[in-house]
PDB file of N, CA and C in Angstrom:
ATOM      1  N   MET A   1       0.848  -1.181   0.000  1.00  0.00           N
ATOM      2  CA  MET A   1       0.000   0.000   0.000  1.00  0.00           C
ATOM      3  C   MET A   1       0.896   1.248   0.000  1.00  0.00           C
ATOM      4  N   ILE A   2       0.468   2.244  -0.756  1.00  0.00           N
ATOM      5  CA  ILE A   2       1.205   3.506  -0.869  1.00  0.00           C
ATOM      6  C   ILE A   2       0.309   4.627  -0.345  1.00  0.00           C
ATOM      7  N   ASN A   3       0.803   5.360   0.634  1.00  0.00           N
ATOM      8  CA  ASN A   3       0.040   6.464   1.216  1.00  0.00           C
ATOM      9  C   ASN A   3       0.838   7.747   1.008  1.00  0.00           C
ATOM     10  N   VAL A   4       0.255   8.705   0.286  1.00  0.00           N
ATOM     11  CA  VAL A   4       0.922   9.973  -0.023  1.00  0.00           C
ATOM     12  C   VAL A   4       0.230  11.083   0.752  1.00  0.00           C
ATOM     13  N   LYS A   5       1.009  11.845   1.512  1.00  0.00           N
ATOM     14  CA  LYS A   5       0.459  12.960   2.292  1.00  0.00           C
ATOM     15  C   LYS A   5       1.220  14.231   1.948  1.00  0.00           C
ATOM     16  N   LYS A   6       0.474  15.265   1.607  1.00  0.00           N
ATOM     17  CA  LYS A   6       1.078  16.552   1.270  1.00  0.00           C
ATOM     18  C   LYS A   6       1.554  17.245   2.552  1.00  0.00           C
ATOM     19  N   ILE A   7       2.816  17.676   2.547  1.00  0.00           N
ATOM     20  CA  ILE A   7       3.399  18.389   3.678  1.00  0.00           C
ATOM     21  C   ILE A   7       3.315  19.895   3.432  1.00  0.00           C
ATOM     22  N   ASP A   8       3.724  20.317   2.241  1.00  0.00           N
ATOM     23  CA  ASP A   8       3.554  21.699   1.797  1.00  0.00           C
ATOM     24  C   ASP A   8       3.386  21.669   0.286  1.00  0.00           C
ATOM     25  N   LYS A   9       3.477  22.819  -0.379  1.00  0.00           N
ATOM     26  CA  LYS A   9       3.139  22.856  -1.807  1.00  0.00           C
ATOM     27  C   LYS A   9       4.022  21.986  -2.698  1.00  0.00           C
ATOM     28  N   SER A  10       5.218  21.645  -2.242  1.00  0.00           N
ATOM     29  CA  SER A  10       6.093  20.831  -3.090  1.00  0.00           C
ATOM     30  C   SER A  10       6.728  19.635  -2.374  1.00  0.00           C
ATOM     31  N   THR A  11       6.332  19.378  -1.144  1.00  0.00           N
ATOM     32  CA  THR A  11       6.913  18.289  -0.363  1.00  0.00           C
ATOM     33  C   THR A  11       5.834  17.317   0.083  1.00  0.00           C
ATOM     34  N   PHE A  12       6.140  16.027  -0.054  1.00  0.00           N
ATOM     35  CA  PHE A  12       5.171  14.986   0.269  1.00  0.00           C
ATOM     36  C   PHE A  12       5.858  13.884   1.068  1.00  0.00           C
ATOM     37  N   ARG A  13       5.117  13.324   2.008  1.00  0.00           N
ATOM     38  CA  ARG A  13       5.594  12.149   2.737  1.00  0.00           C
ATOM     39  C   ARG A  13       4.887  10.948   2.133  1.00  0.00           C
ATOM     40  N   VAL A  14       5.672   9.938   1.809  1.00  0.00           N
ATOM     41  CA  VAL A  14       5.132   8.718   1.223  1.00  0.00           C
ATOM     42  C   VAL A  14       5.477   7.562   2.143  1.00  0.00           C
ATOM     43  N   VAL A  15       4.450   6.841   2.560  1.00  0.00           N
ATOM     44  CA  VAL A  15       4.645   5.650   3.375  1.00  0.00           C
ATOM     45  C   VAL A  15       4.274   4.454   2.508  1.00  0.00           C
ATOM     46  N   VAL A  16       5.200   3.509   2.435  1.00  0.00           N
ATOM     47  CA  VAL A  16       4.984   2.294   1.654  1.00  0.00           C
ATOM     48  C   VAL A  16       4.933   1.123   2.629  1.00  0.00           C
ATOM     49  N   GLU A  17       3.813   0.423   2.604  1.00  0.00           N
ATOM     50  CA  GLU A  17       3.669  -0.771   3.439  1.00  0.00           C
ATOM     51  C   GLU A  17       3.748  -1.977   2.525  1.00  0.00           C
ATOM     52  N   ASN A  18       4.829  -2.691   2.664  1.00  0.00           N
ATOM     53  CA  ASN A  18       5.068  -3.903   1.901  1.00  0.00           C
ATOM     54  C   ASN A  18       5.457  -4.952   2.923  1.00  0.00           C
ATOM     55  N   ARG A  19       6.450  -5.736   2.671  1.00  0.00           N
ATOM     56  CA  ARG A  19       6.930  -6.661   3.704  1.00  0.00           C
ATOM     57  C   ARG A  19       7.433  -5.882   4.904  1.00  0.00           C
ATOM     58  N   SER A  20       8.034  -4.738   4.639  1.00  0.00           N
ATOM     59  CA  SER A  20       8.413  -3.822   5.713  1.00  0.00           C
ATOM     60  C   SER A  20       7.911  -2.431   5.336  1.00  0.00           C
ATOM     61  N   MET A  21       7.673  -1.610   6.334  1.00  0.00           N
ATOM     62  CA  MET A  21       7.160  -0.264   6.093  1.00  0.00           C
ATOM     63  C   MET A  21       8.333   0.705   5.964  1.00  0.00           C
ATOM     64  N   THR A  22       8.238   1.591   4.953  1.00  0.00           N
ATOM     65  CA  THR A  22       9.253   2.623   4.759  1.00  0.00           C
ATOM     66  C   THR A  22       8.574   3.974   4.610  1.00  0.00           C
ATOM     67  N   SER A  23       9.309   5.016   4.938  1.00  0.00           N
ATOM     68  CA  SER A  23       8.817   6.386   4.820  1.00  0.00           C
ATOM     69  C   SER A  23       9.793   7.185   3.968  1.00  0.00           C
ATOM     70  N   HIS A  24       9.242   8.000   3.082  1.00  0.00           N
ATOM     71  CA  HIS A  24      10.058   8.748   2.127  1.00  0.00           C
ATOM     72  C   HIS A  24       9.566  10.187   2.054  1.00  0.00           C
ATOM     73  N   MET A  25      10.505  11.124   1.931  1.00  0.00           N
ATOM     74  CA  MET A  25      10.163  12.523   1.698  1.00  0.00           C
ATOM     75  C   MET A  25      10.468  12.820   0.228  1.00  0.00           C
ATOM     76  N   VAL A  26       9.456  13.275  -0.493  1.00  0.00           N
ATOM     77  CA  VAL A  26       9.592  13.503  -1.928  1.00  0.00           C
ATOM     78  C   VAL A  26       9.299  14.964  -2.227  1.00  0.00           C
ATOM     79  N   THR A  27      10.182  15.575  -2.991  1.00  0.00           N
ATOM     80  CA  THR A  27       9.987  16.945  -3.439  1.00  0.00           C
ATOM     81  C   THR A  27       9.532  16.907  -4.891  1.00  0.00           C
ATOM     82  N   LEU A  28       8.497  17.690  -5.194  1.00  0.00           N
ATOM     83  CA  LEU A  28       7.949  17.737  -6.543  1.00  0.00           C
ATOM     84  C   LEU A  28       7.851  19.194  -7.000  1.00  0.00           C
ATOM     85  N   PRO A  29       8.819  19.662  -7.773  1.00  0.00           N
ATOM     86  CA  PRO A  29       8.745  21.034  -8.287  1.00  0.00           C
ATOM     87  C   PRO A  29       7.532  21.195  -9.208  1.00  0.00           C
ATOM     88  N   LEU A  30       6.888  22.342  -9.126  1.00  0.00           N
ATOM     89  CA  LEU A  30       5.677  22.597  -9.886  1.00  0.00           C
ATOM     90  C   LEU A  30       5.876  22.402 -11.388  1.00  0.00           C
ATOM     91  N   LYS A  31       6.946  22.921 -11.932  1.00  0.00           N
ATOM     92  CA  LYS A  31       7.179  22.809 -13.379  1.00  0.00           C
ATOM     93  C   LYS A  31       7.331  21.350 -13.815  1.00  0.00           C
ATOM     94  N   TYR A  32       7.971  20.548 -12.984  1.00  0.00           N
ATOM     95  CA  TYR A  32       8.139  19.131 -13.319  1.00  0.00           C
ATOM     96  C   TYR A  32       6.786  18.421 -13.268  1.00  0.00           C
ATOM     97  N   TYR A  33       5.992  18.724 -12.251  1.00  0.00           N
ATOM     98  CA  TYR A  33       4.641  18.167 -12.140  1.00  0.00           C
ATOM     99  C   TYR A  33       3.812  18.517 -13.375  1.00  0.00           C
ATOM    100  N   GLU A  34       3.840  19.782 -13.770  1.00  0.00           N
ATOM    101  CA  GLU A  34       3.059  20.221 -14.936  1.00  0.00           C
ATOM    102  C   GLU A  34       3.543  19.544 -16.218  1.00  0.00           C
ATOM    103  N   ARG A  35       4.847  19.380 -16.358  1.00  0.00           N
ATOM    104  CA  ARG A  35       5.398  18.755 -17.566  1.00  0.00           C
ATOM    105  C   ARG A  35       4.959  17.291 -17.681  1.00  0.00           C
ATOM    106  N   LEU A  36       4.940  16.583 -16.563  1.00  0.00           N
ATOM    107  CA  LEU A  36       4.581  15.167 -16.606  1.00  0.00           C
ATOM    108  C   LEU A  36       3.077  14.924 -16.703  1.00  0.00           C
ATOM    109  N   THR A  37       2.280  15.798 -16.103  1.00  0.00           N
ATOM    110  CA  THR A  37       0.837  15.517 -16.001  1.00  0.00           C
ATOM    111  C   THR A  37      -0.052  16.476 -16.785  1.00  0.00           C
ATOM    112  N   ASN A  38       0.501  17.612 -17.204  1.00  0.00           N
ATOM    113  CA  ASN A  38      -0.315  18.642 -17.850  1.00  0.00           C
ATOM    114  C   ASN A  38      -1.509  19.027 -16.961  1.00  0.00           C
ATOM    115  N   ASN A  39      -1.311  18.934 -15.647  1.00  0.00           N
ATOM    116  CA  ASN A  39      -2.320  19.266 -14.634  1.00  0.00           C
ATOM    117  C   ASN A  39      -3.576  18.402 -14.718  1.00  0.00           C
ATOM    118  N   ILE A  40      -3.465  17.217 -15.301  1.00  0.00           N
ATOM    119  CA  ILE A  40      -4.627  16.344 -15.456  1.00  0.00           C
ATOM    120  C   ILE A  40      -4.952  15.601 -14.163  1.00  0.00           C
ATOM    121  N   VAL A  41      -3.928  15.256 -13.386  1.00  0.00           N
ATOM    122  CA  VAL A  41      -4.127  14.562 -12.111  1.00  0.00           C
ATOM    123  C   VAL A  41      -3.433  15.346 -11.006  1.00  0.00           C
ATOM    124  N   SER A  42      -3.748  15.011  -9.784  1.00  0.00           N
ATOM    125  CA  SER A  42      -3.148  15.700  -8.640  1.00  0.00           C
ATOM    126  C   SER A  42      -1.687  15.282  -8.468  1.00  0.00           C
ATOM    127  N   PRO A  43      -0.915  16.094  -7.777  1.00  0.00           N
ATOM    128  CA  PRO A  43       0.460  15.714  -7.469  1.00  0.00           C
ATOM    129  C   PRO A  43       0.529  14.387  -6.699  1.00  0.00           C
ATOM    130  N   GLU A  44      -0.435  14.170  -5.833  1.00  0.00           N
ATOM    131  CA  GLU A  44      -0.454  12.929  -5.059  1.00  0.00           C
ATOM    132  C   GLU A  44      -0.591  11.704  -5.965  1.00  0.00           C
ATOM    133  N   ILE A  45      -1.426  11.817  -6.993  1.00  0.00           N
ATOM    134  CA  ILE A  45      -1.590  10.703  -7.944  1.00  0.00           C
ATOM    135  C   ILE A  45      -0.283  10.470  -8.698  1.00  0.00           C
ATOM    136  N   LEU A  46       0.365  11.537  -9.140  1.00  0.00           N
ATOM    137  CA  LEU A  46       1.644  11.397  -9.838  1.00  0.00           C
ATOM    138  C   LEU A  46       2.664  10.680  -8.954  1.00  0.00           C
ATOM    139  N   ILE A  47       2.741  11.067  -7.712  1.00  0.00           N
ATOM    140  CA  ILE A  47       3.703  10.448  -6.800  1.00  0.00           C
ATOM    141  C   ILE A  47       3.332   8.992  -6.542  1.00  0.00           C
ATOM    142  N   GLU A  48       2.062   8.714  -6.354  1.00  0.00           N
ATOM    143  CA  GLU A  48       1.633   7.321  -6.151  1.00  0.00           C
ATOM    144  C   GLU A  48       2.000   6.465  -7.361  1.00  0.00           C
ATOM    145  N   LYS A  49       1.714   6.947  -8.558  1.00  0.00           N
ATOM    146  CA  LYS A  49       2.060   6.204  -9.784  1.00  0.00           C
ATOM    147  C   LYS A  49       3.572   6.047  -9.924  1.00  0.00           C
ATOM    148  N   SER A  50       4.309   7.057  -9.496  1.00  0.00           N
ATOM    149  CA  SER A  50       5.769   6.988  -9.550  1.00  0.00           C
ATOM    150  C   SER A  50       6.301   5.920  -8.604  1.00  0.00           C
ATOM    151  N   PHE A  51       5.691   5.798  -7.436  1.00  0.00           N
ATOM    152  CA  PHE A  51       6.102   4.755  -6.507  1.00  0.00           C
ATOM    153  C   PHE A  51       5.685   3.372  -7.014  1.00  0.00           C
ATOM    154  N   GLU A  52       4.550   3.265  -7.662  1.00  0.00           N
ATOM    155  CA  GLU A  52       4.178   1.988  -8.275  1.00  0.00           C
ATOM    156  C   GLU A  52       5.237   1.595  -9.312  1.00  0.00           C
ATOM    157  N   PHE A  53       5.671   2.586 -10.102  1.00  0.00           N
ATOM    158  CA  PHE A  53       6.733   2.361 -11.086  1.00  0.00           C
ATOM    159  C   PHE A  53       7.993   1.831 -10.390  1.00  0.00           C
ATOM    160  N   LEU A  54       8.395   2.504  -9.323  1.00  0.00           N
ATOM    161  CA  LEU A  54       9.607   2.098  -8.601  1.00  0.00           C
ATOM    162  C   LEU A  54       9.470   0.700  -8.011  1.00  0.00           C
ATOM    163  N   LEU A  55       8.317   0.416  -7.427  1.00  0.00           N
ATOM    164  CA  LEU A  55       8.121  -0.870  -6.762  1.00  0.00           C
ATOM    165  C   LEU A  55       8.089  -2.043  -7.736  1.00  0.00           C
ATOM    166  N   GLU A  56       7.825  -1.767  -9.003  1.00  0.00           N
ATOM    167  CA  GLU A  56       7.910  -2.812 -10.018  1.00  0.00           C
ATOM    168  C   GLU A  56       9.371  -3.160 -10.321  1.00  0.00           C
ATOM    169  N   ARG A  57      10.294  -2.296  -9.900  1.00  0.00           N
ATOM    170  CA  ARG A  57      11.705  -2.457 -10.232  1.00  0.00           C
ATOM    171  C   ARG A  57      12.613  -2.728  -9.051  1.00  0.00           C
ATOM    172  N   GLU A  58      12.142  -2.380  -7.853  1.00  0.00           N
ATOM    173  CA  GLU A  58      12.974  -2.584  -6.665  1.00  0.00           C
ATOM    174  C   GLU A  58      12.096  -2.625  -5.421  1.00  0.00           C
ATOM    175  N   PRO A  59      12.597  -3.233  -4.348  1.00  0.00           N
ATOM    176  CA  PRO A  59      11.822  -3.251  -3.100  1.00  0.00           C
ATOM    177  C   PRO A  59      11.767  -1.863  -2.469  1.00  0.00           C
ATOM    178  N   ASN A  60      10.742  -1.628  -1.669  1.00  0.00           N
ATOM    179  CA  ASN A  60      10.596  -0.313  -1.034  1.00  0.00           C
ATOM    180  C   ASN A  60      11.786   0.028  -0.143  1.00  0.00           C
ATOM    181  N   THR A  61      12.471  -0.972   0.369  1.00  0.00           N
ATOM    182  CA  THR A  61      13.628  -0.713   1.226  1.00  0.00           C
ATOM    183  C   THR A  61      14.829  -0.192   0.437  1.00  0.00           C
ATOM    184  N   SER A  62      14.778  -0.301  -0.900  1.00  0.00           N
ATOM    185  CA  SER A  62      15.868   0.215  -1.741  1.00  0.00           C
ATOM    186  C   SER A  62      15.597   1.623  -2.255  1.00  0.00           C
ATOM    187  N   ILE A  63      14.371   2.112  -2.083  1.00  0.00           N
ATOM    188  CA  ILE A  63      14.013   3.453  -2.560  1.00  0.00           C
ATOM    189  C   ILE A  63      14.626   4.487  -1.608  1.00  0.00           C
ATOM    190  N   LEU A  64      15.219   5.524  -2.181  1.00  0.00           N
ATOM    191  CA  LEU A  64      15.826   6.581  -1.373  1.00  0.00           C
ATOM    192  C   LEU A  64      14.828   7.133  -0.365  1.00  0.00           C
ATOM    193  N   ARG A  65      15.304   7.509   0.786  1.00  0.00           N
ATOM    194  CA  ARG A  65      14.427   8.035   1.843  1.00  0.00           C
ATOM    195  C   ARG A  65      14.002   9.474   1.583  1.00  0.00           C
ATOM    196  N   SER A  66      14.811  10.199   0.809  1.00  0.00           N
ATOM    197  CA  SER A  66      14.504  11.584   0.500  1.00  0.00           C
ATOM    198  C   SER A  66      15.048  11.890  -0.893  1.00  0.00           C
ATOM    199  N   PHE A  67      14.170  12.393  -1.781  1.00  0.00           N
ATOM    200  CA  PHE A  67      14.618  12.692  -3.138  1.00  0.00           C
ATOM    201  C   PHE A  67      13.618  13.594  -3.852  1.00  0.00           C
ATOM    202  N   GLU A  68      14.113  14.225  -4.913  1.00  0.00           N
ATOM    203  CA  GLU A  68      13.251  14.991  -5.807  1.00  0.00           C
ATOM    204  C   GLU A  68      12.752  14.012  -6.870  1.00  0.00           C
ATOM    205  N   LEU A  69      11.483  14.114  -7.231  1.00  0.00           N
ATOM    206  CA  LEU A  69      10.872  13.137  -8.126  1.00  0.00           C
ATOM    207  C   LEU A  69      11.628  12.974  -9.443  1.00  0.00           C
ATOM    208  N   SER A  70      12.196  14.043  -9.957  1.00  0.00           N
ATOM    209  CA  SER A  70      12.912  13.959 -11.232  1.00  0.00           C
ATOM    210  C   SER A  70      14.134  13.034 -11.160  1.00  0.00           C
ATOM    211  N   MET A  71      14.609  12.728  -9.965  1.00  0.00           N
ATOM    212  CA  MET A  71      15.771  11.843  -9.811  1.00  0.00           C
ATOM    213  C   MET A  71      15.482  10.417 -10.275  1.00  0.00           C
ATOM    214  N   ILE A  72      14.220  10.032 -10.314  1.00  0.00           N
ATOM    215  CA  ILE A  72      13.881   8.671 -10.738  1.00  0.00           C
ATOM    216  C   ILE A  72      14.440   8.410 -12.131  1.00  0.00           C
ATOM    217  N   GLY A  73      14.353   9.404 -13.012  1.00  0.00           N
ATOM    218  CA  GLY A  73      14.850   9.259 -14.375  1.00  0.00           C
ATOM    219  C   GLY A  73      16.349   9.041 -14.469  1.00  0.00           C
ATOM    220  N   GLN A  74      17.091   9.447 -13.448  1.00  0.00           N
ATOM    221  CA  GLN A  74      18.531   9.206 -13.434  1.00  0.00           C
ATOM    222  C   GLN A  74      18.846   7.723 -13.227  1.00  0.00           C
ATOM    223  N   TYR A  75      17.977   7.051 -12.504  1.00  0.00           N
ATOM    224  CA  TYR A  75      18.163   5.629 -12.231  1.00  0.00           C
ATOM    225  C   TYR A  75      17.439   4.752 -13.251  1.00  0.00           C
ATOM    226  N   PHE A  76      16.300   5.258 -13.732  1.00  0.00           N
ATOM    227  CA  PHE A  76      15.469   4.516 -14.676  1.00  0.00           C
ATOM    228  C   PHE A  76      15.106   5.460 -15.827  1.00  0.00           C
ATOM    229  N   PRO A  77      15.904   5.469 -16.890  1.00  0.00           N
ATOM    230  CA  PRO A  77      15.710   6.425 -17.991  1.00  0.00           C
ATOM    231  C   PRO A  77      14.329   6.354 -18.651  1.00  0.00           C
ATOM    232  N   GLU A  78      13.658   5.230 -18.539  1.00  0.00           N
ATOM    233  CA  GLU A  78      12.343   5.072 -19.159  1.00  0.00           C
ATOM    234  C   GLU A  78      11.209   5.679 -18.322  1.00  0.00           C
ATOM    235  N   TYR A  79      11.510   6.146 -17.121  1.00  0.00           N
ATOM    236  CA  TYR A  79      10.496   6.632 -16.178  1.00  0.00           C
ATOM    237  C   TYR A  79       9.545   7.666 -16.784  1.00  0.00           C
ATOM    238  N   GLU A  80      10.067   8.768 -17.287  1.00  0.00           N
ATOM    239  CA  GLU A  80       9.202   9.852 -17.754  1.00  0.00           C
ATOM    240  C   GLU A  80       8.296   9.402 -18.892  1.00  0.00           C
ATOM    241  N   GLU A  81       8.846   8.651 -19.830  1.00  0.00           N
ATOM    242  CA  GLU A  81       8.047   8.186 -20.959  1.00  0.00           C
ATOM    243  C   GLU A  81       6.888   7.297 -20.483  1.00  0.00           C
ATOM    244  N   ILE A  82       7.165   6.424 -19.543  1.00  0.00           N
ATOM    245  CA  ILE A  82       6.133   5.522 -19.038  1.00  0.00           C
ATOM    246  C   ILE A  82       5.090   6.292 -18.220  1.00  0.00           C
ATOM    247  N   ILE A  83       5.531   7.189 -17.368  1.00  0.00           N
ATOM    248  CA  ILE A  83       4.603   7.952 -16.529  1.00  0.00           C
ATOM    249  C   ILE A  83       3.695   8.841 -17.369  1.00  0.00           C
ATOM    250  N   VAL A  84       4.251   9.549 -18.321  1.00  0.00           N
ATOM    251  CA  VAL A  84       3.461  10.465 -19.155  1.00  0.00           C
ATOM    252  C   VAL A  84       2.344   9.706 -19.872  1.00  0.00           C
ATOM    253  N   LYS A  85       2.603   8.497 -20.299  1.00  0.00           N
ATOM    254  CA  LYS A  85       1.594   7.693 -21.002  1.00  0.00           C
ATOM    255  C   LYS A  85       0.420   7.322 -20.122  1.00  0.00           C
ATOM    256  N   GLN A  86       0.597   7.363 -18.810  1.00  0.00           N
ATOM    257  CA  GLN A  86      -0.483   6.995 -17.892  1.00  0.00           C
ATOM    258  C   GLN A  86      -1.525   8.094 -17.755  1.00  0.00           C
ATOM    259  N   PHE A  87      -1.185   9.295 -18.191  1.00  0.00           N
ATOM    260  CA  PHE A  87      -2.111  10.409 -18.030  1.00  0.00           C
ATOM    261  C   PHE A  87      -2.563  10.868 -19.388  1.00  0.00           C
TER     262      PHE A  87
END
């Protein structure tokens, strides 16, 4: 289960409950959010879908505890293309 909670306009806490529970602080710059979603879905949905993407590739215990969402593309170059297609 993925639970996304907005902390402020660009910061979110994500709790992932899998075999073990992990907590992550994610920063989402407005321009990056708009580029990926064209404002079609909420930032929380984008982050949830991004974590689903990550969890298909690695366990929640391997996901960084604090990161900016755009960093996913540095580890998984296909991230943006796959995410954009979902919206």
